[in-house]
């Protein structure tokens, strides 16, 4: 997927907030398991930060140039829906 290599060109940082155990974060965890290694391989210096905390809402937080941030909820989303929301963040 071409969007993986465009992360570091479009974003300054991507944070993924998830709960380690909740069903609501299951899709986000599956997305990370399936894509994390490939994203890091395509963007070795890119800060992809995974923040795990019990009971936290699953969300993606994208930081763009000049410190502008945009956050989207991925609560109860499937892994495919998480990928779609990330691609939407890349279109900013």
C-alpha atoms as a PDB file:
ATOM      1  CA  UNK A   1       0.000   0.000   0.000  1.00  0.00           C
ATOM      2  CA  UNK A   2       1.457   3.284  -1.156  1.00  0.00           C
ATOM      3  CA  UNK A   3       0.107   5.257   1.801  1.00  0.00           C
ATOM      4  CA  UNK A   4       2.661   3.624   4.116  1.00  0.00           C
ATOM      5  CA  UNK A   5       5.608   5.322   2.426  1.00  0.00           C
ATOM      6  CA  UNK A   6       3.866   8.712   2.362  1.00  0.00           C
ATOM      7  CA  UNK A   7       3.513   8.921   6.164  1.00  0.00           C
ATOM      8  CA  UNK A   8       6.844  10.664   6.733  1.00  0.00           C
ATOM      9  CA  UNK A   9       6.245  13.032   3.802  1.00  0.00           C
ATOM     10  CA  UNK A  10       2.853  14.183   5.085  1.00  0.00           C
ATOM     11  CA  UNK A  11       3.046  13.891   8.884  1.00  0.00           C
ATOM     12  CA  UNK A  12       5.567  14.910  11.502  1.00  0.00           C
ATOM     13  CA  UNK A  13       4.357  12.278  13.979  1.00  0.00           C
ATOM     14  CA  UNK A  14       1.604   9.704  14.423  1.00  0.00           C
ATOM     15  CA  UNK A  15       0.383   8.609  17.846  1.00  0.00           C
ATOM     16  CA  UNK A  16      -1.911   5.645  18.352  1.00  0.00           C
ATOM     17  CA  UNK A  17      -3.716   5.465  21.686  1.00  0.00           C
ATOM     18  CA  UNK A  18      -5.137   2.062  22.611  1.00  0.00           C
ATOM     19  CA  UNK A  19      -6.244   0.007  25.570  1.00  0.00           C
ATOM     20  CA  UNK A  20      -4.315  -3.268  25.898  1.00  0.00           C
ATOM     21  CA  UNK A  21      -7.361  -5.341  26.772  1.00  0.00           C
ATOM     22  CA  UNK A  22     -10.639  -3.679  25.746  1.00  0.00           C
ATOM     23  CA  UNK A  23     -12.737  -5.025  22.904  1.00  0.00           C
ATOM     24  CA  UNK A  24     -13.150  -1.444  21.624  1.00  0.00           C
ATOM     25  CA  UNK A  25      -9.412  -1.302  20.812  1.00  0.00           C
ATOM     26  CA  UNK A  26      -9.266  -4.746  19.171  1.00  0.00           C
ATOM     27  CA  UNK A  27      -9.290  -3.395  15.597  1.00  0.00           C
ATOM     28  CA  UNK A  28      -6.529  -0.916  16.411  1.00  0.00           C
ATOM     29  CA  UNK A  29      -4.389  -3.670  17.934  1.00  0.00           C
ATOM     30  CA  UNK A  30      -4.956  -5.873  14.872  1.00  0.00           C
ATOM     31  CA  UNK A  31      -4.035  -2.955  12.579  1.00  0.00           C
ATOM     32  CA  UNK A  32      -0.779  -2.400  14.477  1.00  0.00           C
ATOM     33  CA  UNK A  33       0.124  -6.095  14.432  1.00  0.00           C
ATOM     34  CA  UNK A  34      -0.452  -6.269  10.679  1.00  0.00           C
ATOM     35  CA  UNK A  35       1.138  -2.955   9.652  1.00  0.00           C
ATOM     36  CA  UNK A  36       3.623  -1.656  12.225  1.00  0.00           C
ATOM     37  CA  UNK A  37       6.696  -3.442  10.844  1.00  0.00           C
ATOM     38  CA  UNK A  38       5.982  -2.414   7.249  1.00  0.00           C
ATOM     39  CA  UNK A  39       5.311   1.201   8.237  1.00  0.00           C
ATOM     40  CA  UNK A  40       8.603   1.386  10.162  1.00  0.00           C
ATOM     41  CA  UNK A  41      10.469  -0.302   7.304  1.00  0.00           C
ATOM     42  CA  UNK A  42       9.129   2.264   4.817  1.00  0.00           C
ATOM     43  CA  UNK A  43       9.678   5.185   7.244  1.00  0.00           C
ATOM     44  CA  UNK A  44      12.625   4.257   9.484  1.00  0.00           C
ATOM     45  CA  UNK A  45      13.052   7.659  11.148  1.00  0.00           C
ATOM     46  CA  UNK A  46       9.359   8.473  11.435  1.00  0.00           C
ATOM     47  CA  UNK A  47       7.979   8.756  14.983  1.00  0.00           C
ATOM     48  CA  UNK A  48       5.136   6.226  15.148  1.00  0.00           C
ATOM     49  CA  UNK A  49       4.234   6.223  18.822  1.00  0.00           C
ATOM     50  CA  UNK A  50       1.966   3.599  20.348  1.00  0.00           C
ATOM     51  CA  UNK A  51       0.523   4.634  23.694  1.00  0.00           C
ATOM     52  CA  UNK A  52      -1.138   1.867  25.688  1.00  0.00           C
ATOM     53  CA  UNK A  53      -3.193   2.688  28.743  1.00  0.00           C
ATOM     54  CA  UNK A  54      -5.931   0.749  30.472  1.00  0.00           C
ATOM     55  CA  UNK A  55      -9.377   2.106  29.684  1.00  0.00           C
ATOM     56  CA  UNK A  56      -8.248   4.749  27.201  1.00  0.00           C
ATOM     57  CA  UNK A  57     -10.243   5.540  24.056  1.00  0.00           C
ATOM     58  CA  UNK A  58      -8.671   4.181  20.873  1.00  0.00           C
ATOM     59  CA  UNK A  59      -7.656   7.046  18.586  1.00  0.00           C
ATOM     60  CA  UNK A  60      -5.183   8.230  15.990  1.00  0.00           C
ATOM     61  CA  UNK A  61      -3.476  11.582  16.514  1.00  0.00           C
ATOM     62  CA  UNK A  62      -1.612  13.023  13.535  1.00  0.00           C
ATOM     63  CA  UNK A  63       0.787  15.945  13.929  1.00  0.00           C
ATOM     64  CA  UNK A  64       1.431  18.027  10.824  1.00  0.00           C
ATOM     65  CA  UNK A  65       3.794  20.918  10.151  1.00  0.00           C
ATOM     66  CA  UNK A  66       3.726  23.865  12.547  1.00  0.00           C
ATOM     67  CA  UNK A  67       2.388  21.688  15.375  1.00  0.00           C
ATOM     68  CA  UNK A  68      -1.114  21.316  13.915  1.00  0.00           C
ATOM     69  CA  UNK A  69      -2.760  18.141  15.256  1.00  0.00           C
ATOM     70  CA  UNK A  70      -5.831  16.231  14.180  1.00  0.00           C
ATOM     71  CA  UNK A  71      -7.384  13.395  16.155  1.00  0.00           C
ATOM     72  CA  UNK A  72      -9.878  10.737  15.040  1.00  0.00           C
ATOM     73  CA  UNK A  73     -11.531   8.069  17.126  1.00  0.00           C
ATOM     74  CA  UNK A  74     -10.938   4.459  16.102  1.00  0.00           C
ATOM     75  CA  UNK A  75     -13.007   3.082  18.964  1.00  0.00           C
ATOM     76  CA  UNK A  76     -14.815  -0.130  17.923  1.00  0.00           C
ATOM     77  CA  UNK A  77     -13.363   0.062  14.378  1.00  0.00           C
ATOM     78  CA  UNK A  78     -12.028  -2.905  12.430  1.00  0.00           C
ATOM     79  CA  UNK A  79      -8.403  -2.994  11.279  1.00  0.00           C
ATOM     80  CA  UNK A  80      -9.562  -2.048   7.757  1.00  0.00           C
ATOM     81  CA  UNK A  81     -11.501   0.938   9.103  1.00  0.00           C
ATOM     82  CA  UNK A  82      -8.415   2.078  11.030  1.00  0.00           C
ATOM     83  CA  UNK A  83      -6.383   1.958   7.802  1.00  0.00           C
ATOM     84  CA  UNK A  84      -9.046   3.985   6.008  1.00  0.00           C
ATOM     85  CA  UNK A  85      -9.091   6.632   8.743  1.00  0.00           C
ATOM     86  CA  UNK A  86      -5.302   6.860   8.653  1.00  0.00           C
ATOM     87  CA  UNK A  87      -5.394   7.351   4.880  1.00  0.00           C
ATOM     88  CA  UNK A  88      -7.973  10.130   5.409  1.00  0.00           C
ATOM     89  CA  UNK A  89      -5.576  11.828   7.859  1.00  0.00           C
ATOM     90  CA  UNK A  90      -2.890  11.731   5.174  1.00  0.00           C
ATOM     91  CA  UNK A  91      -5.168  13.719   2.854  1.00  0.00           C
ATOM     92  CA  UNK A  92      -5.428  16.409   5.585  1.00  0.00           C
END
